[in-house]
Amino acid sequence: MRTFFWRLVRQRFATDLRAMQPSLDRSYSIRSRIRAWTCVTAIGYISLTSTIVGLTLQELASEVGLRDALQLHSMFLGRGVGAIFGTLLGGWLCDVCSIKLAMCCCIASSAISVVMVPVTASTGSLELLLANFFMLGLCGSALVSFTVSAACWSFPGKEAGPVLASCNGAFGMTSAVLPLLLSLLNVQGDVQADYGIVALCATPALALLLYSHAPSRPLDRRSASSIMDLEGDGD
């Protein structure tokens, strides 16, 4: 009698699980798409923050009071140093805090740094502009670390490949589209408008990030083996 009862319970549970499966798959699919688009738009935004510098280099030199744009070479050094620290910071923050919170703060900080570029250039201080580009490099590199980590955590194994490939494509596509967009809006040469548009392009990535569910950090081998040991002791 007991065996028959448990068999009936298992059959009932299996029937309910099969009935729920389509909705679970649909929910998982929507959540996965949002996460994928979050990664793509984040990388696309990072591309814009790099492309806009080349498009406005001469205007920035004029704002600082330099005749030759090549004299702004220290900006790229500052951005490169910031990128090194950003990679280290991004890897550390992935371990100590929520990746969703870290990405939100990073995107917001990057957008603020983008808006501040024409402001610091207008002061005529090369040091302030260098510090600004250091922050741009730091935020951009940290955001790349967060995005790649989020993609690998959300899409394990071979599933991460297409997402990362799409991020690569978004990086190149947005770089090509930005000059056309600025030309279409007839704002080329207006440094404040150019950098303001790029800062606004952070909005889609930030909106998708706020709407998405943050992926959970996968367990390392030590944690997994400890859990298995505890479960074995419990049995």
Protein backbone atom coordinates (compact mmCIF):
# COMPACT_ATOMS: atom_id res chain seq x y z
CA MET A 1 0.00 0.00 0.00
CA ARG A 2 2.81 2.41 0.91
CA THR A 3 4.66 1.59 -2.30
CA PHE A 4 1.55 2.25 -4.35
CA PHE A 5 1.02 5.58 -2.57
CA TRP A 6 4.58 6.82 -3.25
CA ARG A 7 4.36 5.67 -6.86
CA LEU A 8 1.18 7.70 -7.24
CA VAL A 9 2.88 10.75 -5.70
CA ARG A 10 5.85 10.45 -8.05
CA GLN A 11 3.60 10.14 -11.09
CA ARG A 12 1.61 13.17 -10.00
CA PHE A 13 4.81 15.16 -9.45
CA ALA A 14 6.18 14.19 -12.87
CA THR A 15 2.89 15.22 -14.53
CA ASP A 16 2.93 18.62 -12.82
CA LEU A 17 6.59 19.13 -13.74
CA ARG A 18 5.91 18.39 -17.41
CA ALA A 19 3.01 20.85 -17.35
CA MET A 20 5.23 23.55 -15.85
CA GLN A 21 8.16 22.90 -18.20
CA PRO A 22 7.03 25.11 -21.14
CA SER A 23 6.53 28.14 -18.90
CA LEU A 24 9.86 27.49 -17.15
CA ASP A 25 11.66 27.22 -20.49
CA ARG A 26 9.95 30.38 -21.73
CA SER A 27 10.90 32.27 -18.56
CA TYR A 28 14.49 31.05 -18.76
CA SER A 29 14.69 32.01 -22.43
CA ILE A 30 13.47 35.57 -21.79
CA ARG A 31 15.83 36.00 -18.85
CA SER A 32 18.76 34.70 -20.90
CA ARG A 33 18.00 37.06 -23.77
CA ILE A 34 17.92 40.04 -21.42
CA ARG A 35 21.27 39.03 -19.95
CA ALA A 36 22.76 38.58 -23.41
CA TRP A 37 21.52 41.98 -24.62
CA THR A 38 22.84 43.56 -21.42
CA CYS A 39 26.33 42.26 -22.21
CA VAL A 40 26.09 43.37 -25.86
CA THR A 41 24.90 46.90 -25.08
CA ALA A 42 27.53 47.31 -22.33
CA ILE A 43 30.36 46.42 -24.71
CA GLY A 44 28.83 48.62 -27.41
CA TYR A 45 28.80 51.56 -25.01
CA ILE A 46 32.47 50.99 -24.12
CA SER A 47 33.26 51.12 -27.83
CA LEU A 48 31.59 54.52 -28.11
CA THR A 49 33.66 55.96 -25.27
CA SER A 50 36.81 55.00 -27.19
CA THR A 51 35.66 56.07 -30.66
CA ILE A 52 34.52 59.55 -29.63
CA VAL A 53 38.06 60.48 -28.56
CA GLY A 54 39.45 60.05 -32.07
CA LEU A 55 36.54 61.96 -33.59
CA THR A 56 37.03 64.98 -31.31
CA LEU A 57 40.79 64.96 -30.78
CA GLN A 58 41.46 68.21 -32.66
CA GLU A 59 38.59 70.00 -30.88
CA LEU A 60 39.87 68.85 -27.49
CA ALA A 61 43.35 70.15 -28.34
CA SER A 62 41.85 73.53 -29.24
CA GLU A 63 39.89 73.61 -25.98
CA VAL A 64 43.05 72.94 -23.97
CA GLY A 65 44.96 75.56 -25.97
CA LEU A 66 47.18 73.30 -28.05
CA ARG A 67 47.70 73.68 -31.78
CA ASP A 68 48.66 70.09 -32.50
CA ALA A 69 46.39 67.24 -31.43
CA LEU A 70 49.44 64.99 -31.11
CA GLN A 71 50.36 66.94 -27.98
CA LEU A 72 47.47 65.20 -26.24
CA HIS A 73 49.34 61.89 -26.29
CA SER A 74 49.39 61.86 -22.48
CA MET A 75 45.61 61.31 -22.51
CA PHE A 76 46.08 57.89 -24.04
CA LEU A 77 48.78 57.08 -21.49
CA GLY A 78 46.39 58.06 -18.70
CA ARG A 79 43.63 55.96 -20.19
CA GLY A 80 45.96 52.98 -20.57
CA VAL A 81 47.12 53.18 -16.96
CA GLY A 82 43.50 53.49 -15.86
CA ALA A 83 42.64 50.38 -17.89
CA ILE A 84 45.30 48.38 -16.05
CA PHE A 85 43.92 49.38 -12.66
CA GLY A 86 40.37 48.85 -13.94
CA THR A 87 41.10 45.24 -14.84
CA LEU A 88 42.50 44.58 -11.37
CA LEU A 89 39.61 46.40 -9.71
CA GLY A 90 37.00 44.59 -11.81
CA GLY A 91 38.38 41.16 -10.96
CA TRP A 92 38.45 41.98 -7.25
CA LEU A 93 34.93 43.45 -7.20
CA CYS A 94 33.56 40.35 -8.95
CA ASP A 95 34.64 38.37 -5.86
CA VAL A 96 33.48 40.71 -3.10
CA CYS A 97 30.18 42.26 -4.22
CA SER A 98 27.14 41.83 -6.45
CA ILE A 99 28.12 41.99 -10.11
CA LYS A 100 24.87 43.81 -10.91
CA LEU A 101 25.62 46.57 -8.41
CA ALA A 102 29.22 46.81 -9.61
CA MET A 103 28.18 47.11 -13.27
CA CYS A 104 25.55 49.77 -12.46
CA CYS A 105 28.09 51.89 -10.57
CA CYS A 106 30.67 51.39 -13.31
CA ILE A 107 28.34 52.43 -16.15
CA ALA A 108 27.10 55.46 -14.20
CA SER A 109 30.67 56.51 -13.33
CA SER A 110 31.75 56.09 -16.95
CA ALA A 111 28.84 58.21 -18.22
CA ILE A 112 29.71 60.96 -15.74
CA SER A 113 33.36 60.83 -16.83
CA VAL A 114 32.29 61.13 -20.48
CA VAL A 115 30.18 64.22 -19.74
CA MET A 116 33.08 65.76 -17.81
CA VAL A 117 35.56 65.50 -20.72
CA PRO A 118 34.51 68.78 -22.44
CA VAL A 119 34.19 70.45 -19.02
CA THR A 120 37.75 69.57 -17.98
CA ALA A 121 39.05 70.45 -21.46
CA SER A 122 37.46 73.89 -21.25
CA THR A 123 39.46 74.63 -18.09
CA GLY A 124 42.65 74.43 -20.15
CA SER A 125 44.23 72.10 -17.59
CA LEU A 126 45.97 69.13 -19.17
CA GLU A 127 46.30 67.50 -15.74
CA LEU A 128 42.53 67.52 -15.15
CA LEU A 129 41.94 66.08 -18.62
CA LEU A 130 44.51 63.38 -17.92
CA ALA A 131 42.76 62.48 -14.65
CA ASN A 132 39.43 62.36 -16.48
CA PHE A 133 40.78 59.95 -19.09
CA PHE A 134 42.32 57.86 -16.33
CA MET A 135 38.80 57.43 -14.90
CA LEU A 136 37.43 56.60 -18.36
CA GLY A 137 40.03 53.87 -18.80
CA LEU A 138 39.44 52.51 -15.31
CA CYS A 139 35.64 52.35 -15.69
CA GLY A 140 35.80 50.94 -19.21
CA SER A 141 38.25 48.18 -18.37
CA ALA A 142 36.38 47.23 -15.19
CA LEU A 143 33.12 47.11 -17.16
CA VAL A 144 34.71 44.71 -19.66
CA SER A 145 35.74 42.44 -16.78
CA PHE A 146 32.23 42.53 -15.33
CA THR A 147 30.60 41.89 -18.70
CA VAL A 148 32.78 38.92 -19.59
CA SER A 149 32.29 37.46 -16.10
CA ALA A 150 28.51 37.94 -16.33
CA ALA A 151 28.43 36.26 -19.75
CA CYS A 152 30.46 33.27 -18.55
CA TRP A 153 28.37 32.90 -15.39
CA SER A 154 25.04 33.24 -17.22
CA PHE A 155 25.91 31.00 -20.18
CA PRO A 156 28.11 28.10 -19.06
CA GLY A 157 30.15 26.06 -21.46
CA LYS A 158 29.64 26.50 -25.19
CA GLU A 159 26.66 28.84 -24.68
CA ALA A 160 28.98 31.71 -23.73
CA GLY A 161 30.72 31.67 -27.13
CA PRO A 162 27.89 33.20 -29.23
CA VAL A 163 27.26 35.88 -26.59
CA LEU A 164 30.92 36.92 -26.47
CA ALA A 165 31.06 36.87 -30.28
CA SER A 166 28.02 39.17 -30.37
CA CYS A 167 29.79 41.50 -27.94
CA ASN A 168 32.76 41.57 -30.30
CA GLY A 169 30.50 42.43 -33.21
CA ALA A 170 28.76 45.15 -31.20
CA PHE A 171 32.11 46.75 -30.42
CA GLY A 172 32.96 47.13 -34.10
CA MET A 173 29.44 48.02 -35.23
CA THR A 174 28.95 50.87 -32.75
CA SER A 175 32.38 52.27 -33.67
CA ALA A 176 31.25 52.46 -37.30
CA VAL A 177 27.80 53.86 -36.52
CA LEU A 178 28.87 56.70 -34.21
CA PRO A 179 30.43 58.98 -36.90
CA LEU A 180 27.35 58.47 -39.07
CA LEU A 181 25.06 59.31 -36.15
CA LEU A 182 26.91 62.51 -35.29
CA SER A 183 26.90 63.53 -38.94
CA LEU A 184 23.18 62.81 -39.22
CA LEU A 185 22.47 64.92 -36.13
CA ASN A 186 24.74 67.65 -37.50
CA VAL A 187 26.67 68.00 -34.23
CA GLN A 188 30.19 67.15 -35.43
CA GLY A 189 32.65 69.63 -33.98
CA ASP A 190 30.42 70.45 -31.00
CA VAL A 191 32.37 68.72 -28.23
CA GLN A 192 29.71 69.07 -25.56
CA ALA A 193 26.98 67.66 -27.80
CA ASP A 194 29.20 64.82 -29.02
CA TYR A 195 30.16 63.63 -25.55
CA GLY A 196 26.62 64.20 -24.27
CA ILE A 197 25.24 61.85 -26.94
CA VAL A 198 27.78 59.19 -26.02
CA ALA A 199 26.87 59.52 -22.33
CA LEU A 200 23.18 59.06 -23.22
CA CYS A 201 24.10 55.84 -25.03
CA ALA A 202 24.80 54.34 -21.60
CA THR A 203 21.05 54.41 -20.89
CA PRO A 204 20.08 51.18 -22.76
CA ALA A 205 22.79 49.16 -21.04
CA LEU A 206 21.87 50.59 -17.64
CA ALA A 207 18.13 50.00 -18.20
CA LEU A 208 18.65 46.38 -19.29
CA LEU A 209 20.99 45.80 -16.37
CA LEU A 210 18.46 47.13 -13.84
CA TYR A 211 15.73 44.94 -15.38
CA SER A 212 17.81 41.77 -15.59
CA HIS A 213 18.50 39.18 -12.91
CA ALA A 214 22.12 39.14 -11.80
CA PRO A 215 23.86 35.81 -12.43
CA SER A 216 25.13 33.99 -9.38
CA ARG A 217 28.83 33.40 -8.99
CA PRO A 218 29.68 29.75 -9.69
CA LEU A 219 31.14 27.72 -6.85
CA ASP A 220 34.83 26.97 -6.99
CA ARG A 221 36.10 23.44 -6.60
CA ARG A 222 36.90 23.79 -2.91
CA SER A 223 33.40 25.05 -2.07
CA ALA A 224 31.77 22.37 -4.20
CA SER A 225 33.82 19.58 -2.60
CA SER A 226 33.04 20.96 0.88
CA ILE A 227 29.32 20.91 0.14
CA MET A 228 29.57 17.35 -1.19
CA ASP A 229 31.42 16.32 1.96
CA LEU A 230 28.75 17.86 4.15
CA GLU A 231 26.02 16.13 2.19
CA GLY A 232 27.92 12.85 2.48
CA ASP A 233 28.24 13.28 6.26
CA GLY A 234 24.52 14.01 6.47
CA ASP A 235 23.68 10.76 4.70
